[in-house]
């Protein structure tokens, strides 16, 4: 047996690592090839459903956007992928189209409100730009099955009761909402509005709630340092309240954990790195 840290032992370890990395690379390449081949099957000429992704503010979301789209096509090759991008990310997308397995099924659109924050653009896409059967997905989602359709709104997961946390209970009071109601925090990493799509009253109420949430000021009961967390979730909070007020909804998953292998799994890129 070679001595510990001897040249021979170091050489054998390098060979072992090289072999393992080579095998992993072959496996990943084979999976990508299999995914690409399958994505070309069963493409109805009249397919009109779009899956929407928002790509703005950060270049780091380009790679996840490509992975997300390719995972969708593996299970639903008939889907169109509509990517909403600001001018900088549009340029990146246009030179990266060859990395999409179905670049002929990619539609790149300018964000609806280029002078607004990404949360407001995400809200606008969901409530005003999507058709009944369309679905929104965050870029950092990997799909392990075909995105579902439903007459009722669909949300990724139910996170918690808003009234049981100090910050969100304070917000409910600021919004003049009845604290006796079981207001829920619904995760909007995946959203489909179904019959609520482009509903004028739902749009009006969602935007009104969003603007009130963004405009909240600190007071005796809530400090200045607590406001960023509310503003970062402003579109999520607005949609959670608006849908609870107006309709029933379904959940994509009953519970969620990091990369849990469910129908859609998130690796929470923004949350992990603290992106606002």
Protein backbone atom coordinates (compact mmCIF):
# COMPACT_ATOMS: atom_id res chain seq x y z
CA UNK A 1 0.00 0.00 0.00
CA UNK A 2 1.41 3.47 -0.87
CA UNK A 3 2.47 5.55 2.10
CA UNK A 4 0.16 8.34 3.27
CA UNK A 5 0.71 11.48 1.14
CA UNK A 6 3.34 9.75 -0.98
CA UNK A 7 3.67 10.75 -4.68
CA UNK A 8 2.19 7.40 -5.71
CA UNK A 9 -0.80 7.81 -3.40
CA UNK A 10 -1.42 11.37 -4.66
CA UNK A 11 -1.25 10.08 -8.25
CA UNK A 12 -3.78 7.31 -7.53
CA UNK A 13 -6.13 9.80 -5.86
CA UNK A 14 -5.93 12.11 -8.87
CA UNK A 15 -6.77 9.20 -11.17
CA UNK A 16 -9.74 8.27 -8.97
CA UNK A 17 -11.07 11.84 -8.89
CA UNK A 18 -10.60 12.21 -12.65
CA UNK A 19 -12.48 8.97 -13.26
CA UNK A 20 -15.37 9.97 -10.99
CA UNK A 21 -15.67 13.42 -12.56
CA UNK A 22 -15.53 11.89 -16.05
CA UNK A 23 -18.33 9.44 -15.22
CA UNK A 24 -20.43 12.23 -13.70
CA UNK A 25 -19.89 14.34 -16.81
CA UNK A 26 -20.92 11.47 -19.08
CA UNK A 27 -24.05 10.84 -16.99
CA UNK A 28 -25.05 14.51 -17.06
CA UNK A 29 -24.41 14.70 -20.79
CA UNK A 30 -26.48 11.57 -21.42
CA UNK A 31 -29.36 12.97 -19.34
CA UNK A 32 -29.25 16.28 -21.22
CA UNK A 33 -29.27 14.43 -24.55
CA UNK A 34 -32.19 12.24 -23.46
CA UNK A 35 -34.09 15.30 -22.25
CA UNK A 36 -33.50 17.14 -25.52
CA UNK A 37 -34.61 14.20 -27.68
CA UNK A 38 -37.78 13.70 -25.66
CA UNK A 39 -38.60 17.42 -25.76
CA UNK A 40 -39.10 17.20 -29.54
CA UNK A 41 -41.92 14.67 -29.32
CA UNK A 42 -45.67 15.29 -29.55
CA UNK A 43 -45.87 18.94 -30.59
CA UNK A 44 -49.48 19.82 -31.48
CA UNK A 45 -49.55 22.57 -34.09
CA UNK A 46 -52.41 24.35 -32.30
CA UNK A 47 -50.87 24.33 -28.81
CA UNK A 48 -51.30 27.79 -27.29
CA UNK A 49 -50.53 27.33 -23.59
CA UNK A 50 -47.66 29.44 -22.31
CA UNK A 51 -45.48 29.00 -19.24
CA UNK A 52 -44.22 32.41 -18.07
CA UNK A 53 -40.85 33.18 -16.45
CA UNK A 54 -39.56 36.56 -15.26
CA UNK A 55 -35.87 37.32 -15.84
CA UNK A 56 -34.75 40.75 -14.67
CA UNK A 57 -32.28 42.55 -12.40
CA UNK A 58 -29.74 39.72 -12.01
CA UNK A 59 -27.70 37.78 -14.57
CA UNK A 60 -27.42 34.84 -12.17
CA UNK A 61 -31.01 33.84 -13.05
CA UNK A 62 -30.16 33.15 -16.72
CA UNK A 63 -28.87 29.62 -16.13
CA UNK A 64 -31.83 28.66 -13.91
CA UNK A 65 -34.22 30.00 -16.56
CA UNK A 66 -32.71 27.68 -19.15
CA UNK A 67 -32.81 24.70 -16.77
CA UNK A 68 -36.40 25.43 -15.83
CA UNK A 69 -37.55 25.67 -19.45
CA UNK A 70 -35.76 22.48 -20.46
CA UNK A 71 -37.26 20.56 -17.53
CA UNK A 72 -40.75 21.68 -18.60
CA UNK A 73 -40.24 20.54 -22.20
CA UNK A 74 -39.12 17.12 -21.02
CA UNK A 75 -42.60 16.54 -19.60
CA UNK A 76 -44.67 18.98 -21.69
CA UNK A 77 -42.90 19.55 -25.03
CA UNK A 78 -45.98 21.28 -26.43
CA UNK A 79 -45.59 24.19 -24.00
CA UNK A 80 -44.46 27.62 -25.11
CA UNK A 81 -42.05 29.36 -22.76
CA UNK A 82 -42.66 33.10 -22.50
CA UNK A 83 -39.69 34.83 -20.87
CA UNK A 84 -40.21 38.41 -19.68
CA UNK A 85 -36.87 40.19 -19.61
CA UNK A 86 -35.44 43.65 -19.05
CA UNK A 87 -33.12 45.04 -21.72
CA UNK A 88 -29.88 43.66 -20.20
CA UNK A 89 -31.25 40.15 -19.69
CA UNK A 90 -32.90 40.18 -23.14
CA UNK A 91 -29.46 40.59 -24.69
CA UNK A 92 -28.16 37.63 -22.65
CA UNK A 93 -31.13 35.50 -23.67
CA UNK A 94 -30.72 36.20 -27.35
CA UNK A 95 -27.13 34.95 -27.36
CA UNK A 96 -28.06 31.92 -25.21
CA UNK A 97 -31.00 30.57 -27.24
CA UNK A 98 -29.00 27.57 -28.47
CA UNK A 99 -28.97 26.27 -24.88
CA UNK A 100 -32.76 25.91 -24.89
CA UNK A 101 -33.87 22.46 -26.08
CA UNK A 102 -36.81 24.04 -27.93
CA UNK A 103 -35.62 27.48 -28.94
CA UNK A 104 -38.46 27.50 -31.48
CA UNK A 105 -40.87 27.42 -28.51
CA UNK A 106 -39.29 30.40 -26.71
CA UNK A 107 -40.95 33.82 -26.80
CA UNK A 108 -38.96 36.73 -25.34
CA UNK A 109 -40.99 39.75 -24.23
CA UNK A 110 -40.07 43.04 -22.59
CA UNK A 111 -41.10 43.34 -18.95
CA UNK A 112 -44.46 45.15 -18.69
CA UNK A 113 -43.22 47.87 -16.32
CA UNK A 114 -39.50 48.48 -16.92
CA UNK A 115 -39.27 51.30 -14.37
CA UNK A 116 -40.82 49.22 -11.58
CA UNK A 117 -39.35 46.66 -9.19
CA UNK A 118 -39.35 42.97 -10.12
CA UNK A 119 -42.15 42.21 -7.64
CA UNK A 120 -44.49 44.65 -9.42
CA UNK A 121 -43.59 43.18 -12.81
CA UNK A 122 -44.21 39.67 -11.54
CA UNK A 123 -47.61 40.73 -10.24
CA UNK A 124 -48.48 42.41 -13.54
CA UNK A 125 -47.56 39.31 -15.55
CA UNK A 126 -49.62 37.03 -13.32
CA UNK A 127 -52.79 39.09 -13.07
CA UNK A 128 -52.86 40.91 -16.42
CA UNK A 129 -50.76 39.09 -19.02
CA UNK A 130 -51.54 35.39 -18.62
CA UNK A 131 -54.39 33.53 -20.30
CA UNK A 132 -56.68 31.16 -18.42
CA UNK A 133 -54.56 28.03 -18.93
CA UNK A 134 -51.21 29.79 -18.61
CA UNK A 135 -48.90 29.33 -15.65
CA UNK A 136 -46.14 31.38 -14.03
CA UNK A 137 -43.03 29.70 -12.63
CA UNK A 138 -40.01 31.18 -10.92
CA UNK A 139 -36.76 30.59 -12.78
CA UNK A 140 -35.25 28.54 -9.94
CA UNK A 141 -37.82 25.75 -10.24
CA UNK A 142 -37.11 22.32 -11.70
CA UNK A 143 -40.17 20.48 -13.05
CA UNK A 144 -40.46 16.72 -12.59
CA UNK A 145 -43.87 16.44 -14.25
CA UNK A 146 -46.10 18.38 -16.61
CA UNK A 147 -47.37 21.69 -15.14
CA UNK A 148 -51.05 21.16 -14.29
CA UNK A 149 -54.17 23.03 -15.40
CA UNK A 150 -57.13 23.98 -13.22
CA UNK A 151 -60.25 26.11 -13.36
CA UNK A 152 -59.37 27.44 -9.90
CA UNK A 153 -56.21 29.41 -9.08
CA UNK A 154 -53.17 27.27 -8.27
CA UNK A 155 -50.38 28.27 -5.89
CA UNK A 156 -47.10 26.48 -5.23
CA UNK A 157 -47.67 25.75 -1.54
CA UNK A 158 -49.39 27.13 1.59
CA UNK A 159 -46.63 28.40 3.87
CA UNK A 160 -48.25 29.61 7.10
CA UNK A 161 -51.06 31.58 8.76
CA UNK A 162 -50.39 35.32 8.45
CA UNK A 163 -52.04 36.15 11.77
CA UNK A 164 -49.62 33.99 13.77
CA UNK A 165 -46.50 36.02 12.97
CA UNK A 166 -45.82 39.46 14.39
CA UNK A 167 -44.79 41.20 11.16
CA UNK A 168 -47.60 39.83 9.01
CA UNK A 169 -50.20 40.28 11.77
CA UNK A 170 -49.14 43.95 11.92
CA UNK A 171 -49.59 44.13 8.15
CA UNK A 172 -53.11 42.66 8.31
CA UNK A 173 -54.05 45.44 10.70
CA UNK A 174 -52.51 48.06 8.40
CA UNK A 175 -54.58 46.69 5.52
CA UNK A 176 -57.76 46.86 7.64
CA UNK A 177 -58.36 43.13 7.27
CA UNK A 178 -60.46 41.04 9.64
CA UNK A 179 -58.04 39.19 11.95
CA UNK A 180 -60.65 36.52 12.62
CA UNK A 181 -60.23 35.24 9.05
CA UNK A 182 -57.61 32.56 8.42
CA UNK A 183 -55.38 34.58 6.07
CA UNK A 184 -52.69 32.37 4.55
CA UNK A 185 -49.25 33.08 3.10
CA UNK A 186 -49.37 31.39 -0.31
CA UNK A 187 -46.10 30.74 -2.10
CA UNK A 188 -46.13 32.29 -5.59
CA UNK A 189 -43.11 30.45 -7.02
CA UNK A 190 -45.75 28.76 -9.18
CA UNK A 191 -49.09 30.45 -9.96
CA UNK A 192 -51.95 29.88 -12.35
CA UNK A 193 -55.10 31.99 -11.97
CA UNK A 194 -57.52 29.93 -14.04
CA UNK A 195 -60.87 31.72 -14.22
CA UNK A 196 -59.39 34.71 -12.38
CA UNK A 197 -57.02 35.40 -15.26
CA UNK A 198 -57.34 39.02 -16.46
CA UNK A 199 -60.32 39.58 -14.12
CA UNK A 200 -60.54 43.37 -13.81
CA UNK A 201 -61.67 43.44 -10.19
CA UNK A 202 -59.02 40.92 -9.18
CA UNK A 203 -56.34 42.98 -10.97
CA UNK A 204 -57.52 46.18 -9.29
CA UNK A 205 -57.56 44.64 -5.83
CA UNK A 206 -54.19 42.90 -6.23
CA UNK A 207 -52.47 46.10 -7.38
CA UNK A 208 -54.16 48.13 -4.63
CA UNK A 209 -52.93 45.71 -1.97
CA UNK A 210 -49.45 45.69 -3.49
CA UNK A 211 -49.19 49.49 -3.45
CA UNK A 212 -50.41 49.69 0.14
CA UNK A 213 -47.90 47.05 1.22
CA UNK A 214 -45.02 48.80 -0.56
CA UNK A 215 -46.08 52.09 1.00
CA UNK A 216 -46.11 50.88 4.61
CA UNK A 217 -44.15 53.02 7.09
CA UNK A 218 -42.59 51.96 10.39
CA UNK A 219 -44.42 52.86 13.59
CA UNK A 220 -44.39 52.06 17.31
CA UNK A 221 -45.29 48.40 16.67
CA UNK A 222 -42.94 47.71 13.76
CA UNK A 223 -39.40 48.93 13.26
CA UNK A 224 -37.65 50.17 10.16
CA UNK A 225 -35.56 46.99 9.87
CA UNK A 226 -38.71 44.87 9.52
CA UNK A 227 -39.96 46.64 6.41
CA UNK A 228 -37.55 45.11 3.84
CA UNK A 229 -38.92 41.62 4.49
CA UNK A 230 -42.47 42.83 3.85
CA UNK A 231 -41.53 44.70 0.69
CA UNK A 232 -39.56 41.76 -0.67
CA UNK A 233 -42.73 39.62 -0.39
CA UNK A 234 -45.12 42.34 -1.50
CA UNK A 235 -46.48 40.58 -4.60
CA UNK A 236 -46.79 37.32 -2.64
CA UNK A 237 -48.73 39.01 0.16
CA UNK A 238 -50.97 40.93 -2.27
CA UNK A 239 -51.90 37.79 -4.21
CA UNK A 240 -52.40 35.75 -1.03
CA UNK A 241 -54.91 38.24 0.34
CA UNK A 242 -56.65 38.95 -2.98
CA UNK A 243 -57.29 35.30 -3.81
CA UNK A 244 -58.50 34.54 -0.27
CA UNK A 245 -61.02 37.38 -0.58
CA UNK A 246 -62.38 36.35 -3.94
CA UNK A 247 -62.19 32.63 -4.64
CA UNK A 248 -61.15 29.12 -3.76
CA UNK A 249 -57.74 27.88 -4.83
CA UNK A 250 -55.70 24.70 -5.22
CA UNK A 251 -52.16 23.95 -4.09
CA UNK A 252 -49.55 22.39 -6.33
CA UNK A 253 -47.93 20.73 -3.28
CA UNK A 254 -49.18 20.11 0.23
CA UNK A 255 -45.72 20.82 1.64
CA UNK A 256 -42.32 21.77 0.31
CA UNK A 257 -38.69 21.39 1.24
CA UNK A 258 -35.48 22.18 -0.61
CA UNK A 259 -35.21 20.04 -3.78
CA UNK A 260 -37.63 17.43 -2.42
CA UNK A 261 -38.29 15.65 -5.71
CA UNK A 262 -41.96 16.71 -5.93
CA UNK A 263 -43.85 17.72 -9.06
CA UNK A 264 -41.87 20.97 -9.01
CA UNK A 265 -38.92 21.62 -6.73
CA UNK A 266 -37.28 24.92 -5.87
CA UNK A 267 -33.69 25.56 -4.96
CA UNK A 268 -34.60 29.00 -3.56
CA UNK A 269 -31.79 30.87 -5.27
CA UNK A 270 -32.96 34.32 -4.13
CA UNK A 271 -33.75 33.33 -0.57
CA UNK A 272 -30.46 31.50 -0.05
CA UNK A 273 -28.38 34.39 -1.36
CA UNK A 274 -30.55 37.14 0.15
CA UNK A 275 -31.52 38.81 -3.13
CA UNK A 276 -34.13 41.52 -2.69
